[in-house]
Every structure is written in structure tokens, then in C-alpha cells.
Amino acid sequence: MAYKWPDKDPDETIDFSVDWSRFIPNTTLAAANWFIKDAAGNKEPVSNAETVDGLQFVSPTLQADDKVATARFASGTNGKTYVVTCQITTGDGLTFERNVSLRIREK
């Protein structure tokens, strides 16, 4: 199953989230790491204000009680679809990840 966020304008700075509550109903969300695939298809880890292939990862937030990981993105190349990965660790040490498509489109 492919996940997809709504299109993002290259001039927007906007938050996108992954809700993990249905995947980890009986544990907590302990940490989240974010990645963006670069032009060569390599999954690059990102942290505050890093840019990969034109898409800027501004900052992350974690709502552990609600089991939601959020990332703020800026910029991006118009017409390009990025693959963003959210990787989480649960309170009991399990690791999960989901790839999400984010298309940049001038609105």
C-alpha cells in the first residue's frame, strides 16, 4: 500500500504527519527519524534545516501520546515527487517505517 500526502506548493512551508496509532495500539511512540530519497534513490537521513534534492526538512515534532510523527517541509522542485520515509521506534523497542510520496506542484 502506497501512502501519499497532498501536493505541496514549492513556496509553502507546511507540516505533514504520519499517524501510527493503528499500527502500534498497545505501545508508545518513543522516537521518529526522517529520511528523503535523493536524486540517485538513496535514503538520506535529515535533521533540522537540511535539504535533499531541493526539498528542505525544516523540523520534526513528536506527539508521543497521540502516536503522531510530524515533519515540516519547505521548498521542493516543481513537478517532482519526493519519497519521504518516517521511521519510528516504539517504547518496547520495535522499529517501523513508512514511505510517503510528496509531490511538489505550483498552485
C-alpha atoms as a PDB file:
ATOM      1  CA  MET A   1       0.000   0.000   0.000  1.00  0.00           C
ATOM      2  CA  ALA A   2       1.431   3.360  -1.034  1.00  0.00           C
ATOM      3  CA  TYR A   3       0.989   6.385   1.169  1.00  0.00           C
ATOM      4  CA  LYS A   4       0.634   9.884  -0.268  1.00  0.00           C
ATOM      5  CA  TRP A   5       0.366  13.344   1.228  1.00  0.00           C
ATOM      6  CA  PRO A   6      -1.482  16.189  -0.521  1.00  0.00           C
ATOM      7  CA  ASP A   7       0.540  18.197  -3.040  1.00  0.00           C
ATOM      8  CA  LYS A   8       2.829  20.911  -1.675  1.00  0.00           C
ATOM      9  CA  ASP A   9       3.484  24.233  -3.397  1.00  0.00           C
ATOM     10  CA  PRO A  10       7.229  24.993  -3.622  1.00  0.00           C
ATOM     11  CA  ASP A  11       6.606  28.306  -1.815  1.00  0.00           C
ATOM     12  CA  GLU A  12       4.834  26.689   1.143  1.00  0.00           C
ATOM     13  CA  THR A  13       6.335  25.738   4.468  1.00  0.00           C
ATOM     14  CA  ILE A  14       3.932  23.137   5.787  1.00  0.00           C
ATOM     15  CA  ASP A  15       3.585  20.222   8.225  1.00  0.00           C
ATOM     16  CA  PHE A  16       2.875  16.644   7.163  1.00  0.00           C
ATOM     17  CA  SER A  17       2.176  13.836   9.640  1.00  0.00           C
ATOM     18  CA  VAL A  18       2.154  10.067   9.964  1.00  0.00           C
ATOM     19  CA  ASP A  19      -0.369   8.713  12.464  1.00  0.00           C
ATOM     20  CA  TRP A  20       0.978   5.461  13.900  1.00  0.00           C
ATOM     21  CA  SER A  21      -1.914   4.768  16.315  1.00  0.00           C
ATOM     22  CA  ARG A  22      -3.462   1.938  14.285  1.00  0.00           C
ATOM     23  CA  PHE A  23      -0.089   0.210  13.836  1.00  0.00           C
ATOM     24  CA  ILE A  24       1.092   0.423  17.465  1.00  0.00           C
ATOM     25  CA  PRO A  25      -2.101   0.411  19.558  1.00  0.00           C
ATOM     26  CA  ASN A  26      -0.574  -1.259  22.625  1.00  0.00           C
ATOM     27  CA  THR A  27       2.715   0.607  22.967  1.00  0.00           C
ATOM     28  CA  THR A  28       4.128   4.109  22.937  1.00  0.00           C
ATOM     29  CA  LEU A  29       5.904   6.130  20.263  1.00  0.00           C
ATOM     30  CA  ALA A  30       9.428   6.681  21.588  1.00  0.00           C
ATOM     31  CA  ALA A  31      11.276   8.294  18.656  1.00  0.00           C
ATOM     32  CA  ALA A  32      10.946   9.201  14.978  1.00  0.00           C
ATOM     33  CA  ASN A  33      13.624   9.612  12.327  1.00  0.00           C
ATOM     34  CA  TRP A  34      13.055  11.112   8.888  1.00  0.00           C
ATOM     35  CA  PHE A  35      14.672  10.414   5.512  1.00  0.00           C
ATOM     36  CA  ILE A  36      14.360  11.819   1.979  1.00  0.00           C
ATOM     37  CA  LYS A  37      15.417   9.866  -1.108  1.00  0.00           C
ATOM     38  CA  ASP A  38      17.980  11.810  -3.114  1.00  0.00           C
ATOM     39  CA  ALA A  39      18.213  12.016  -6.928  1.00  0.00           C
ATOM     40  CA  ALA A  40      20.134   8.713  -7.015  1.00  0.00           C
ATOM     41  CA  GLY A  41      17.455   6.950  -4.925  1.00  0.00           C
ATOM     42  CA  ASN A  42      19.496   6.810  -1.719  1.00  0.00           C
ATOM     43  CA  LYS A  43      17.596   7.230   1.541  1.00  0.00           C
ATOM     44  CA  GLU A  44      19.286  10.216   3.215  1.00  0.00           C
ATOM     45  CA  PRO A  45      18.693  10.941   6.923  1.00  0.00           C
ATOM     46  CA  VAL A  46      17.598  14.521   7.596  1.00  0.00           C
ATOM     47  CA  SER A  47      17.511  16.766  10.629  1.00  0.00           C
ATOM     48  CA  ASN A  48      16.719  20.437  11.212  1.00  0.00           C
ATOM     49  CA  ALA A  49      17.064  22.675   8.137  1.00  0.00           C
ATOM     50  CA  GLU A  50      18.720  20.052   5.901  1.00  0.00           C
ATOM     51  CA  THR A  51      17.917  19.992   2.181  1.00  0.00           C
ATOM     52  CA  VAL A  52      17.967  16.900  -0.030  1.00  0.00           C
ATOM     53  CA  ASP A  53      17.495  17.289  -3.793  1.00  0.00           C
ATOM     54  CA  GLY A  54      15.747  20.649  -3.321  1.00  0.00           C
ATOM     55  CA  LEU A  55      13.313  19.642  -0.547  1.00  0.00           C
ATOM     56  CA  GLN A  56      14.069  21.178   2.831  1.00  0.00           C
ATOM     57  CA  PHE A  57      13.296  19.288   6.033  1.00  0.00           C
ATOM     58  CA  VAL A  58      12.667  22.186   8.430  1.00  0.00           C
ATOM     59  CA  SER A  59      11.957  20.423  11.735  1.00  0.00           C
ATOM     60  CA  PRO A  60      10.255  17.410  13.334  1.00  0.00           C
ATOM     61  CA  THR A  61       7.730  17.130  16.159  1.00  0.00           C
ATOM     62  CA  LEU A  62       6.580  14.050  18.029  1.00  0.00           C
ATOM     63  CA  GLN A  63       3.250  13.638  19.797  1.00  0.00           C
ATOM     64  CA  ALA A  64       4.080  10.517  21.748  1.00  0.00           C
ATOM     65  CA  ASP A  65       0.702  10.219  23.486  1.00  0.00           C
ATOM     66  CA  ASP A  66      -1.218  10.560  20.202  1.00  0.00           C
ATOM     67  CA  LYS A  67       1.345   8.401  18.336  1.00  0.00           C
ATOM     68  CA  VAL A  68       1.815  11.027  15.592  1.00  0.00           C
ATOM     69  CA  ALA A  69       5.138  11.985  13.990  1.00  0.00           C
ATOM     70  CA  THR A  70       5.143  15.303  12.110  1.00  0.00           C
ATOM     71  CA  ALA A  71       7.689  16.891   9.795  1.00  0.00           C
ATOM     72  CA  ARG A  72       7.756  20.452   8.475  1.00  0.00           C
ATOM     73  CA  PHE A  73       8.909  20.834   4.868  1.00  0.00           C
ATOM     74  CA  ALA A  74       9.813  23.847   2.718  1.00  0.00           C
ATOM     75  CA  SER A  75      10.889  24.391  -0.895  1.00  0.00           C
ATOM     76  CA  GLY A  76      10.979  21.494  -3.353  1.00  0.00           C
ATOM     77  CA  THR A  77      11.293  21.313  -7.122  1.00  0.00           C
ATOM     78  CA  ASN A  78       8.065  21.972  -9.019  1.00  0.00           C
ATOM     79  CA  GLY A  79       6.788  18.802 -10.734  1.00  0.00           C
ATOM     80  CA  LYS A  80       8.987  16.442  -8.686  1.00  0.00           C
ATOM     81  CA  THR A  81       7.643  13.714  -6.427  1.00  0.00           C
ATOM     82  CA  TYR A  82       9.782  13.019  -3.376  1.00  0.00           C
ATOM     83  CA  VAL A  83       9.797   9.848  -1.300  1.00  0.00           C
ATOM     84  CA  VAL A  84       9.911  10.667   2.401  1.00  0.00           C
ATOM     85  CA  THR A  85      10.420   7.933   4.998  1.00  0.00           C
ATOM     86  CA  CYS A  86       9.242   8.135   8.592  1.00  0.00           C
ATOM     87  CA  GLN A  87      10.948   5.552  10.785  1.00  0.00           C
ATOM     88  CA  ILE A  88       9.759   5.121  14.358  1.00  0.00           C
ATOM     89  CA  THR A  89      10.877   3.249  17.429  1.00  0.00           C
ATOM     90  CA  THR A  90       8.258   2.104  19.914  1.00  0.00           C
ATOM     91  CA  GLY A  91       8.531   2.077  23.682  1.00  0.00           C
ATOM     92  CA  ASP A  92       9.132  -1.659  23.602  1.00  0.00           C
ATOM     93  CA  GLY A  93      11.973  -1.382  21.064  1.00  0.00           C
ATOM     94  CA  LEU A  94      10.237  -2.281  17.790  1.00  0.00           C
ATOM     95  CA  THR A  95      11.088  -0.321  14.623  1.00  0.00           C
ATOM     96  CA  PHE A  96       8.620   0.518  11.847  1.00  0.00           C
ATOM     97  CA  GLU A  97       8.873   2.692   8.770  1.00  0.00           C
ATOM     98  CA  ARG A  98       6.563   4.040   6.103  1.00  0.00           C
ATOM     99  CA  ASN A  99       7.390   5.671   2.777  1.00  0.00           C
ATOM    100  CA  VAL A 100       5.185   8.578   1.753  1.00  0.00           C
ATOM    101  CA  SER A 101       5.058  10.337  -1.626  1.00  0.00           C
ATOM    102  CA  LEU A 102       5.123  14.135  -1.613  1.00  0.00           C
ATOM    103  CA  ARG A 103       4.533  15.831  -4.963  1.00  0.00           C
ATOM    104  CA  ILE A 104       5.573  19.435  -5.450  1.00  0.00           C
ATOM    105  CA  ARG A 105       3.116  21.320  -7.583  1.00  0.00           C
ATOM    106  CA  GLU A 106       2.708  25.039  -8.170  1.00  0.00           C
ATOM    107  CA  LYS A 107      -0.792  26.027  -7.003  1.00  0.00           C
END
